[in-house]
Protein backbone atom coordinates (compact mmCIF):
# COMPACT_ATOMS: atom_id res chain seq x y z
CA MET A 1 109.06 137.13 121.20
CA LYS A 2 108.50 138.88 124.55
CA LYS A 3 108.19 142.14 122.63
CA ASN A 4 105.21 140.77 120.71
CA LYS A 5 103.59 138.99 123.65
CA GLU A 6 100.97 141.66 124.26
CA LEU A 7 100.18 142.05 120.57
CA LEU A 8 99.70 138.28 120.40
CA ARG A 9 97.49 138.46 123.51
CA VAL A 10 95.20 140.91 121.68
CA ILE A 11 95.19 138.72 118.55
CA LEU A 12 94.30 135.61 120.57
CA ALA A 13 91.60 137.47 122.50
CA ALA A 14 90.07 139.00 119.37
CA THR A 15 90.15 135.68 117.52
CA ILE A 16 88.55 133.80 120.40
CA ILE A 17 85.86 136.48 120.83
CA PHE A 18 85.15 136.34 117.08
CA VAL A 19 84.88 132.54 117.01
CA GLY A 20 82.77 132.57 120.18
CA THR A 21 80.42 135.05 118.53
CA LEU A 22 80.14 132.75 115.51
CA HIS A 23 78.80 130.06 117.85
CA PHE A 24 75.71 132.25 118.28
CA LEU A 25 75.44 133.73 114.79
CA VAL A 26 75.98 130.51 112.81
CA PRO A 27 75.85 127.58 115.23
CA GLN A 28 75.12 124.83 112.67
CA PRO A 29 78.76 124.15 111.63
CA PHE A 30 79.67 123.72 115.29
CA VAL A 31 76.65 121.49 115.93
CA LYS A 32 77.60 119.41 112.89
CA ILE A 33 81.01 118.45 114.32
CA MET A 34 79.69 117.70 117.81
CA PRO A 35 80.12 114.02 118.74
CA SER A 36 76.73 112.29 118.64
CA GLN A 37 77.27 110.83 122.14
CA LEU A 38 76.99 114.28 123.69
CA PRO A 39 73.53 115.52 124.68
CA TYR A 40 72.07 118.89 123.69
CA PRO A 41 74.59 119.74 120.93
CA LEU A 42 73.15 123.22 120.27
CA GLY A 43 73.23 124.04 123.98
CA LEU A 44 76.84 122.90 124.19
CA VAL A 45 77.73 125.04 121.17
CA TYR A 46 76.16 128.07 122.83
CA LEU A 47 77.90 127.27 126.11
CA SER A 48 81.31 126.91 124.50
CA GLY A 49 80.74 130.12 122.53
CA PHE A 50 79.83 131.96 125.72
CA TYR A 51 83.01 130.76 127.44
CA GLU A 52 85.13 131.63 124.41
CA ILE A 53 83.82 135.19 124.48
CA LEU A 54 84.27 135.37 128.24
CA GLY A 55 87.82 133.98 128.01
CA GLY A 56 88.78 136.37 125.23
CA ILE A 57 87.54 139.36 127.19
CA GLY A 58 89.19 138.02 130.36
CA LEU A 59 92.59 137.91 128.65
CA LEU A 60 92.32 141.69 128.31
CA VAL A 61 91.35 142.40 131.93
CA PRO A 62 94.62 142.30 133.89
CA PRO A 63 93.24 141.06 137.25
CA LEU A 64 91.46 138.22 135.39
CA SER A 65 93.89 137.44 132.59
CA GLN A 66 95.69 134.51 134.23
CA ALA A 67 92.43 132.83 135.26
CA ALA A 68 91.02 133.49 131.78
CA ALA A 69 94.07 131.85 130.20
CA TRP A 70 93.58 128.74 132.37
CA GLY A 71 89.88 128.75 131.46
CA LEU A 72 90.72 128.90 127.75
CA ILE A 73 93.10 125.97 128.13
CA ALA A 74 90.30 123.96 129.75
CA LEU A 75 87.93 125.03 126.98
CA PHE A 76 90.39 124.09 124.22
CA ILE A 77 90.72 120.64 125.81
CA ALA A 78 86.94 120.31 126.27
CA VAL A 79 86.16 121.06 122.61
CA TYR A 80 88.90 118.79 121.25
CA PRO A 81 86.54 115.79 120.93
CA ALA A 82 84.53 117.81 118.36
CA ASN A 83 87.71 118.36 116.36
CA ILE A 84 88.56 114.66 116.58
CA ASN A 85 85.00 113.78 115.51
CA MET A 86 85.33 116.08 112.51
CA ALA A 87 88.63 114.43 111.50
CA VAL A 88 87.60 110.82 112.08
CA ASN A 89 84.30 111.21 110.26
CA HIS A 90 85.65 113.56 107.56
CA ILE A 91 82.91 116.07 108.29
CA GLU A 92 82.88 118.87 105.77
CA ILE A 93 81.70 122.35 106.64
CA GLU A 94 80.30 123.96 103.50
CA SER A 95 81.53 127.44 104.43
CA ILE A 96 85.13 126.24 104.95
CA PRO A 97 86.88 125.18 101.73
CA TYR A 98 88.56 121.75 101.88
CA SER A 99 87.34 121.21 105.46
CA GLY A 100 86.65 117.54 104.76
CA SER A 101 90.09 116.86 103.30
CA PRO A 102 92.65 114.76 105.19
CA LEU A 103 95.21 117.56 104.82
CA PHE A 104 92.88 120.08 106.47
CA GLN A 105 92.29 117.65 109.34
CA ALA A 106 96.01 116.86 109.67
CA ILE A 107 96.68 120.56 110.15
CA ARG A 108 93.63 121.34 112.29
CA LEU A 109 94.12 118.72 115.02
CA PRO A 110 97.63 119.82 116.05
CA LEU A 111 96.52 123.45 115.86
CA GLN A 112 94.58 122.84 119.08
CA GLY A 113 97.92 122.15 120.79
CA VAL A 114 99.21 125.48 119.49
CA LEU A 115 96.15 127.24 120.94
CA ILE A 116 96.71 125.53 124.29
CA ALA A 117 100.38 126.57 124.32
CA TRP A 118 99.43 130.11 123.28
CA ALA A 119 96.93 130.42 126.13
CA TYR A 120 99.43 128.85 128.55
CA TRP A 121 101.83 131.70 127.80
CA TYR A 122 99.36 134.02 129.55
CA THR A 123 99.02 131.91 132.71
CA LYS A 124 102.19 133.55 134.05
CA PRO A 125 102.12 136.99 135.66
CA ALA A 126 102.46 139.79 133.12
CA ASP A 127 104.26 143.10 133.34
CA LYS A 128 101.36 145.16 134.64
CA GLU A 129 102.69 148.29 132.94
CA LYS A 130 102.83 146.67 129.50
CA GLN A 131 99.90 144.24 129.61
CA ALA A 132 97.23 144.81 126.99
CA SER A 133 94.02 145.83 128.71
CA ILE A 134 90.53 146.96 127.81
CA ILE A 135 90.40 148.69 131.20
CA PRO A 136 92.50 151.82 131.72
CA LYS A 137 95.29 151.01 134.17
CA SER A 138 94.23 153.92 136.36
CA MET A 139 90.83 152.26 136.94
CA ILE A 140 92.26 148.99 138.28
CA PRO A 141 92.41 149.09 142.09
CA LYS A 142 95.92 148.43 143.43
CA GLU A 143 94.71 145.44 145.47
CA LEU A 144 93.50 143.74 142.25
CA GLU A 145 96.71 144.22 140.28
CA LEU A 146 98.46 140.97 139.44
CA GLY A 147 101.88 140.24 138.03
CA ASP A 148 105.29 141.81 138.41
């Protein structure tokens, strides 16, 4: 699994950036699952999308990757009430087949735990020579390098 850790980092980052972008391009499905007790649902959707994009990019910037992983864990916990709301109220998203089904919800809720565990994997120092990065290693100042 260690061999694939950096490939999985890129997959997580790309997925999170993609989903974060969807928060801006098609916010309505995200607004629809927002618990009604929360104020400014569209603003919260945009905010969570912004932090998803930021976290995904941060996973690929070695000096920031550990902090980004912790931030994504916090974000995954913060958005969990929307997932619970979707499950409890059987909210269907038209663009997602079977999204209102109990089976979909039974799979989706525990998936958040998988995302948390996946992000947690990147809270530990990485091998700075092997870590996936969008910044060339030669451009990272030595004093900012993290991990051993």
